Amino acid sequence: MFKYQETTRAITVTVEPTYLEDQSSPEESHYVWKYHVRIDNGGEETVQIRNRYWRITDSLGRVQEVRGPGVVGEQPILHPGESFEYTSGTPLKTPSGIMVGTYQMEGTGGERFDIAIPAFSLDSPHQAIRLN
């Protein structure tokens, strides 16, 4: 199990993706992953997650973009030293892909800024190994 991590302005985002064999149907080109996200506020400012942006690319290069308010229906406030965790999921029509994105944060003074969500690989045991 791999963990992917990125820090922007003292806010660290850690993502751990997991392939869900029991929810996938490879014979129907349906592959499902869950991903667990932890956001740690290591800075000195209170911040709130306002919006999310995801770019999901499957192994054929097809791109899906997802934008929306907050995460899992919430716009959590993170005081210095606090963290927020959630789990979500995504389906693909191919046995592998990659996700990357940003969270738009708002500081106590109203300033909005983006923090990076690290690119992470969606791999299933059904992906053929290719040597480049």
N, C-alpha and C. Protein backbone atom coordinates (compact mmCIF):
# COMPACT_ATOMS: atom_id res chain seq x y z
N MET A 1 0.85 -1.17 0.00
CA MET A 1 0.00 0.00 0.00
C MET A 1 0.89 1.24 0.00
N PHE A 2 0.72 2.07 -1.00
CA PHE A 2 1.54 3.27 -1.13
C PHE A 2 0.83 4.48 -0.56
N LYS A 3 1.61 5.38 0.04
CA LYS A 3 1.10 6.67 0.49
C LYS A 3 1.80 7.75 -0.32
N TYR A 4 1.04 8.72 -0.76
CA TYR A 4 1.56 9.83 -1.55
C TYR A 4 1.37 11.09 -0.71
N GLN A 5 2.39 11.98 -0.73
CA GLN A 5 2.32 13.14 0.16
C GLN A 5 2.85 14.38 -0.53
N GLU A 6 2.22 15.52 -0.25
CA GLU A 6 2.65 16.80 -0.79
C GLU A 6 2.34 17.88 0.25
N THR A 7 3.27 18.85 0.40
CA THR A 7 3.08 19.94 1.35
C THR A 7 3.11 21.27 0.62
N THR A 8 2.10 22.10 0.88
CA THR A 8 2.00 23.46 0.34
C THR A 8 1.69 24.39 1.50
N ARG A 9 2.49 25.42 1.68
CA ARG A 9 2.25 26.42 2.73
C ARG A 9 1.99 25.77 4.09
N ALA A 10 2.80 24.79 4.43
CA ALA A 10 2.75 24.08 5.72
C ALA A 10 1.50 23.22 5.90
N ILE A 11 0.76 22.99 4.82
CA ILE A 11 -0.40 22.09 4.87
C ILE A 11 -0.04 20.85 4.07
N THR A 12 -0.07 19.70 4.75
CA THR A 12 0.35 18.44 4.13
C THR A 12 -0.87 17.60 3.78
N VAL A 13 -0.91 17.14 2.53
CA VAL A 13 -1.97 16.25 2.06
C VAL A 13 -1.34 14.88 1.82
N THR A 14 -1.90 13.85 2.47
CA THR A 14 -1.43 12.48 2.30
C THR A 14 -2.58 11.66 1.74
N VAL A 15 -2.31 10.90 0.68
CA VAL A 15 -3.34 10.08 0.04
C VAL A 15 -2.89 8.63 -0.01
N GLU A 16 -3.81 7.73 0.32
CA GLU A 16 -3.53 6.30 0.28
C GLU A 16 -4.65 5.62 -0.52
N PRO A 17 -4.38 5.27 -1.80
CA PRO A 17 -5.40 4.61 -2.62
C PRO A 17 -5.41 3.09 -2.42
N THR A 18 -6.60 2.49 -2.57
CA THR A 18 -6.77 1.04 -2.44
C THR A 18 -7.72 0.56 -3.53
N TYR A 19 -7.31 -0.46 -4.25
CA TYR A 19 -8.18 -1.07 -5.27
C TYR A 19 -9.24 -1.92 -4.58
N LEU A 20 -10.49 -1.77 -5.02
CA LEU A 20 -11.61 -2.51 -4.42
C LEU A 20 -12.06 -3.64 -5.35
N GLU A 21 -11.46 -4.80 -5.17
CA GLU A 21 -11.76 -5.96 -6.00
C GLU A 21 -13.25 -6.33 -5.92
N ASP A 22 -13.82 -6.26 -4.72
CA ASP A 22 -15.21 -6.69 -4.53
C ASP A 22 -16.23 -5.77 -5.18
N GLN A 23 -15.84 -4.53 -5.51
CA GLN A 23 -16.77 -3.60 -6.18
C GLN A 23 -16.47 -3.46 -7.66
N SER A 24 -15.43 -4.11 -8.12
CA SER A 24 -15.01 -4.01 -9.52
C SER A 24 -15.51 -5.19 -10.33
N SER A 25 -15.70 -4.96 -11.62
CA SER A 25 -16.11 -6.00 -12.57
C SER A 25 -15.22 -5.91 -13.80
N PRO A 26 -14.02 -6.49 -13.75
CA PRO A 26 -13.10 -6.37 -14.88
C PRO A 26 -13.70 -6.82 -16.21
N GLU A 27 -14.55 -7.86 -16.17
CA GLU A 27 -15.16 -8.35 -17.42
C GLU A 27 -16.11 -7.32 -18.03
N GLU A 28 -16.52 -6.33 -17.23
CA GLU A 28 -17.39 -5.25 -17.72
C GLU A 28 -16.64 -3.92 -17.80
N SER A 29 -15.31 -3.98 -17.74
CA SER A 29 -14.47 -2.78 -17.76
C SER A 29 -14.88 -1.78 -16.68
N HIS A 30 -15.09 -2.28 -15.48
CA HIS A 30 -15.47 -1.44 -14.34
C HIS A 30 -14.51 -1.73 -13.19
N TYR A 31 -13.69 -0.73 -12.85
CA TYR A 31 -12.66 -0.86 -11.82
C TYR A 31 -12.87 0.25 -10.80
N VAL A 32 -12.83 -0.08 -9.52
CA VAL A 32 -13.15 0.88 -8.47
C VAL A 32 -12.02 0.96 -7.44
N TRP A 33 -11.70 2.18 -7.04
CA TRP A 33 -10.72 2.44 -6.00
C TRP A 33 -11.34 3.33 -4.93
N LYS A 34 -10.86 3.15 -3.70
CA LYS A 34 -11.14 4.13 -2.66
C LYS A 34 -9.81 4.82 -2.39
N TYR A 35 -9.90 6.03 -1.88
CA TYR A 35 -8.68 6.72 -1.48
C TYR A 35 -8.93 7.44 -0.17
N HIS A 36 -7.99 7.26 0.74
CA HIS A 36 -8.07 7.88 2.06
C HIS A 36 -7.17 9.11 2.06
N VAL A 37 -7.74 10.26 2.45
CA VAL A 37 -7.01 11.51 2.43
C VAL A 37 -6.88 12.05 3.86
N ARG A 38 -5.69 12.51 4.18
CA ARG A 38 -5.45 13.19 5.46
C ARG A 38 -4.84 14.55 5.14
N ILE A 39 -5.43 15.60 5.71
CA ILE A 39 -4.95 16.96 5.51
C ILE A 39 -4.49 17.48 6.88
N ASP A 40 -3.20 17.80 7.00
CA ASP A 40 -2.62 18.27 8.26
C ASP A 40 -2.24 19.74 8.14
N ASN A 41 -2.74 20.55 9.05
CA ASN A 41 -2.38 21.96 9.07
C ASN A 41 -1.17 22.14 9.99
N GLY A 42 0.02 22.20 9.39
CA GLY A 42 1.25 22.39 10.14
C GLY A 42 1.65 23.85 10.23
N GLY A 43 0.76 24.73 9.75
CA GLY A 43 1.07 26.16 9.77
C GLY A 43 0.56 26.84 11.02
N GLU A 44 0.64 28.16 11.01
CA GLU A 44 0.23 28.96 12.17
C GLU A 44 -1.11 29.65 11.94
N GLU A 45 -1.73 29.41 10.79
CA GLU A 45 -2.99 30.07 10.45
C GLU A 45 -4.12 29.05 10.39
N THR A 46 -5.29 29.46 10.86
CA THR A 46 -6.49 28.64 10.70
C THR A 46 -6.95 28.74 9.25
N VAL A 47 -7.27 27.60 8.66
CA VAL A 47 -7.70 27.56 7.26
C VAL A 47 -8.99 26.74 7.13
N GLN A 48 -9.72 27.00 6.05
CA GLN A 48 -10.93 26.24 5.75
C GLN A 48 -10.86 25.73 4.33
N ILE A 49 -11.24 24.46 4.15
CA ILE A 49 -11.28 23.88 2.79
C ILE A 49 -12.55 24.39 2.12
N ARG A 50 -12.40 25.15 1.04
CA ARG A 50 -13.54 25.72 0.34
C ARG A 50 -13.97 24.88 -0.87
N ASN A 51 -13.00 24.50 -1.71
CA ASN A 51 -13.33 23.78 -2.95
C ASN A 51 -12.29 22.72 -3.23
N ARG A 52 -12.69 21.77 -4.10
CA ARG A 52 -11.77 20.72 -4.53
C ARG A 52 -11.76 20.67 -6.05
N TYR A 53 -10.63 20.24 -6.59
CA TYR A 53 -10.50 20.02 -8.02
C TYR A 53 -9.70 18.74 -8.22
N TRP A 54 -10.25 17.81 -8.98
CA TRP A 54 -9.58 16.55 -9.31
C TRP A 54 -9.44 16.42 -10.81
N ARG A 55 -8.30 15.90 -11.24
CA ARG A 55 -8.10 15.52 -12.64
C ARG A 55 -7.78 14.03 -12.62
N ILE A 56 -8.68 13.24 -13.19
CA ILE A 56 -8.57 11.78 -13.19
C ILE A 56 -8.31 11.33 -14.62
N THR A 57 -7.21 10.62 -14.83
CA THR A 57 -6.83 10.17 -16.17
C THR A 57 -6.75 8.66 -16.16
N ASP A 58 -7.46 8.02 -17.10
CA ASP A 58 -7.38 6.56 -17.16
C ASP A 58 -6.21 6.14 -18.05
N SER A 59 -5.98 4.84 -18.15
CA SER A 59 -4.79 4.35 -18.86
C SER A 59 -4.87 4.54 -20.38
N LEU A 60 -6.03 4.98 -20.89
CA LEU A 60 -6.15 5.30 -22.31
C LEU A 60 -6.01 6.80 -22.54
N GLY A 61 -5.72 7.55 -21.47
CA GLY A 61 -5.52 8.99 -21.60
C GLY A 61 -6.79 9.81 -21.52
N ARG A 62 -7.91 9.18 -21.24
CA ARG A 62 -9.17 9.93 -21.10
C ARG A 62 -9.17 10.66 -19.77
N VAL A 63 -9.54 11.94 -19.81
CA VAL A 63 -9.49 12.79 -18.62
C VAL A 63 -10.89 13.15 -18.15
N GLN A 64 -11.08 13.05 -16.85
CA GLN A 64 -12.32 13.50 -16.22
C GLN A 64 -11.92 14.53 -15.17
N GLU A 65 -12.60 15.68 -15.18
CA GLU A 65 -12.33 16.70 -14.19
C GLU A 65 -13.52 16.82 -13.25
N VAL A 66 -13.23 16.93 -11.96
CA VAL A 66 -14.28 17.03 -10.95
C VAL A 66 -13.99 18.28 -10.11
N ARG A 67 -14.98 19.16 -10.02
CA ARG A 67 -14.86 20.37 -9.19
C ARG A 67 -16.08 20.44 -8.29
N GLY A 68 -15.89 20.99 -7.10
CA GLY A 68 -17.04 21.15 -6.23
C GLY A 68 -16.65 21.77 -4.92
N PRO A 69 -17.67 22.13 -4.13
CA PRO A 69 -17.41 22.72 -2.83
C PRO A 69 -16.95 21.67 -1.82
N GLY A 70 -15.94 22.03 -1.03
CA GLY A 70 -15.50 21.20 0.08
C GLY A 70 -15.09 19.79 -0.30
N VAL A 71 -15.15 18.93 0.71
CA VAL A 71 -14.83 17.50 0.54
C VAL A 71 -15.89 16.69 1.27
N VAL A 72 -16.36 15.63 0.67
CA VAL A 72 -17.41 14.75 1.21
C VAL A 72 -18.54 15.55 1.90
N GLY A 73 -18.98 16.61 1.24
CA GLY A 73 -20.11 17.39 1.75
C GLY A 73 -19.77 18.33 2.89
N GLU A 74 -18.50 18.49 3.19
CA GLU A 74 -18.09 19.36 4.29
C GLU A 74 -17.08 20.40 3.81
N GLN A 75 -17.00 21.50 4.56
CA GLN A 75 -15.95 22.49 4.34
C GLN A 75 -15.24 22.69 5.68
N PRO A 76 -14.43 21.69 6.07
CA PRO A 76 -13.85 21.69 7.41
C PRO A 76 -12.89 22.85 7.66
N ILE A 77 -12.88 23.29 8.91
CA ILE A 77 -11.94 24.31 9.38
C ILE A 77 -10.83 23.59 10.13
N LEU A 78 -9.59 23.93 9.78
CA LEU A 78 -8.42 23.31 10.41
C LEU A 78 -7.62 24.38 11.14
N HIS A 79 -7.63 24.31 12.45
CA HIS A 79 -6.80 25.21 13.26
C HIS A 79 -5.37 24.70 13.22
N PRO A 80 -4.39 25.53 13.57
CA PRO A 80 -3.00 25.07 13.57
C PRO A 80 -2.85 23.78 14.37
N GLY A 81 -2.18 22.80 13.76
CA GLY A 81 -1.94 21.51 14.42
C GLY A 81 -3.07 20.50 14.23
N GLU A 82 -4.19 20.92 13.64
CA GLU A 82 -5.31 19.99 13.45
C GLU A 82 -5.23 19.30 12.10
N SER A 83 -5.97 18.19 12.00
CA SER A 83 -6.03 17.46 10.74
C SER A 83 -7.47 17.06 10.45
N PHE A 84 -7.73 16.72 9.20
CA PHE A 84 -9.04 16.24 8.77
C PHE A 84 -8.80 15.06 7.86
N GLU A 85 -9.58 13.99 8.06
CA GLU A 85 -9.44 12.79 7.24
C GLU A 85 -10.78 12.41 6.64
N TYR A 86 -10.73 11.87 5.43
CA TYR A 86 -11.94 11.35 4.81
C TYR A 86 -11.56 10.29 3.78
N THR A 87 -12.55 9.50 3.41
CA THR A 87 -12.37 8.48 2.39
C THR A 87 -13.41 8.69 1.31
N SER A 88 -12.97 8.60 0.06
CA SER A 88 -13.88 8.71 -1.08
C SER A 88 -13.48 7.64 -2.08
N GLY A 89 -14.06 7.69 -3.26
CA GLY A 89 -13.74 6.66 -4.25
C GLY A 89 -13.95 7.15 -5.66
N THR A 90 -13.45 6.35 -6.59
CA THR A 90 -13.63 6.68 -8.00
C THR A 90 -13.64 5.39 -8.84
N PRO A 91 -14.51 5.34 -9.84
CA PRO A 91 -14.48 4.22 -10.78
C PRO A 91 -13.73 4.62 -12.05
N LEU A 92 -13.16 3.64 -12.72
CA LEU A 92 -12.55 3.85 -14.04
C LEU A 92 -13.01 2.73 -14.96
N LYS A 93 -12.90 2.97 -16.27
CA LYS A 93 -13.22 1.93 -17.25
C LYS A 93 -11.97 1.17 -17.67
N THR A 94 -10.82 1.56 -17.12
CA THR A 94 -9.56 0.87 -17.41
C THR A 94 -8.96 0.38 -16.09
N PRO A 95 -8.06 -0.62 -16.15
CA PRO A 95 -7.53 -1.21 -14.93
C PRO A 95 -6.46 -0.38 -14.21
N SER A 96 -6.19 0.81 -14.72
CA SER A 96 -5.26 1.69 -14.00
C SER A 96 -5.51 3.13 -14.43
N GLY A 97 -4.94 4.04 -13.65
CA GLY A 97 -5.08 5.46 -13.96
C GLY A 97 -4.28 6.28 -12.96
N ILE A 98 -4.49 7.59 -13.00
CA ILE A 98 -3.79 8.48 -12.09
C ILE A 98 -4.72 9.63 -11.73
N MET A 99 -4.60 10.09 -10.49
CA MET A 99 -5.39 11.23 -10.02
C MET A 99 -4.44 12.28 -9.46
N VAL A 100 -4.81 13.54 -9.62
CA VAL A 100 -4.06 14.66 -9.07
C VAL A 100 -5.06 15.79 -8.87
N GLY A 101 -4.74 16.75 -8.02
CA GLY A 101 -5.69 17.84 -7.85
C GLY A 101 -5.21 18.92 -6.91
N THR A 102 -6.18 19.77 -6.51
CA THR A 102 -5.90 20.85 -5.57
C THR A 102 -7.11 21.04 -4.67
N TYR A 103 -6.82 21.56 -3.49
CA TYR A 103 -7.87 22.05 -2.60
C TYR A 103 -7.71 23.57 -2.54
N GLN A 104 -8.83 24.27 -2.65
CA GLN A 104 -8.79 25.71 -2.45
C GLN A 104 -9.05 25.97 -0.98
N MET A 105 -8.12 26.64 -0.34
CA MET A 105 -8.21 26.94 1.08
C MET A 105 -8.53 28.42 1.26
N GLU A 106 -9.11 28.75 2.42
CA GLU A 106 -9.32 30.15 2.76
C GLU A 106 -8.75 30.39 4.15
N GLY A 107 -7.89 31.39 4.24
CA GLY A 107 -7.30 31.76 5.53
C GLY A 107 -8.24 32.64 6.32
N THR A 108 -7.87 32.93 7.57
CA THR A 108 -8.73 33.73 8.45
C THR A 108 -8.96 35.13 7.92
N GLY A 109 -8.01 35.66 7.14
CA GLY A 109 -8.17 37.01 6.58
C GLY A 109 -8.95 37.03 5.28
N GLY A 110 -9.46 35.86 4.85
CA GLY A 110 -10.25 35.81 3.62
C GLY A 110 -9.44 35.49 2.38
N GLU A 111 -8.10 35.39 2.51
CA GLU A 111 -7.27 35.05 1.36
C GLU A 111 -7.54 33.62 0.94
N ARG A 112 -7.70 33.41 -0.35
CA ARG A 112 -7.87 32.06 -0.89
C ARG A 112 -6.62 31.65 -1.64
N PHE A 113 -6.22 30.39 -1.45
CA PHE A 113 -5.03 29.87 -2.12
C PHE A 113 -5.22 28.37 -2.33
N ASP A 114 -4.50 27.84 -3.31
CA ASP A 114 -4.58 26.42 -3.63
C ASP A 114 -3.45 25.66 -2.97
N ILE A 115 -3.76 24.46 -2.47
CA ILE A 115 -2.73 23.53 -2.02
C ILE A 115 -2.79 22.30 -2.90
N ALA A 116 -1.63 21.69 -3.11
CA ALA A 116 -1.54 20.56 -4.03
C ALA A 116 -1.97 19.26 -3.37
N ILE A 117 -2.72 18.48 -4.14
CA ILE A 117 -2.99 17.08 -3.79
C ILE A 117 -1.99 16.29 -4.63
N PRO A 118 -1.16 15.44 -4.02
CA PRO A 118 -0.14 14.75 -4.81
C PRO A 118 -0.76 13.83 -5.86
N ALA A 119 -0.07 13.73 -6.99
CA ALA A 119 -0.50 12.76 -8.00
C ALA A 119 -0.35 11.37 -7.41
N PHE A 120 -1.38 10.54 -7.58
CA PHE A 120 -1.28 9.17 -7.08
C PHE A 120 -1.82 8.20 -8.11
N SER A 121 -1.23 7.02 -8.09
CA SER A 121 -1.50 5.99 -9.07
C SER A 121 -2.66 5.10 -8.62
N LEU A 122 -3.54 4.81 -9.55
CA LEU A 122 -4.63 3.86 -9.33
C LEU A 122 -4.24 2.59 -10.09
N ASP A 123 -3.82 1.59 -9.36
CA ASP A 123 -3.35 0.35 -9.97
C ASP A 123 -4.20 -0.82 -9.52
N SER A 124 -4.50 -1.70 -10.44
CA SER A 124 -5.23 -2.92 -10.10
C SER A 124 -4.40 -4.12 -10.54
N PRO A 125 -4.71 -5.30 -10.01
CA PRO A 125 -3.97 -6.50 -10.44
C PRO A 125 -4.32 -6.91 -11.87
N HIS A 126 -5.26 -6.19 -12.49
CA HIS A 126 -5.69 -6.55 -13.86
C HIS A 126 -4.93 -5.78 -14.93
N GLN A 127 -4.03 -4.89 -14.50
CA GLN A 127 -3.24 -4.11 -15.46
C GLN A 127 -2.07 -4.93 -15.93
N ALA A 128 -1.92 -5.05 -17.25
CA ALA A 128 -0.76 -5.75 -17.80
C ALA A 128 0.49 -4.90 -17.54
N ILE A 129 1.58 -5.54 -17.20
CA ILE A 129 2.83 -4.84 -16.98
C ILE A 129 3.46 -4.49 -18.33
N ARG A 130 3.82 -3.22 -18.47
CA ARG A 130 4.48 -2.78 -19.72
C ARG A 130 5.83 -2.19 -19.35
N LEU A 131 6.85 -2.61 -20.03
CA LEU A 131 8.17 -2.02 -19.82
C LEU A 131 8.39 -0.93 -20.86
N ASN A 132 8.79 0.24 -20.39
CA ASN A 132 9.01 1.37 -21.31
C ASN A 132 10.46 1.41 -21.77
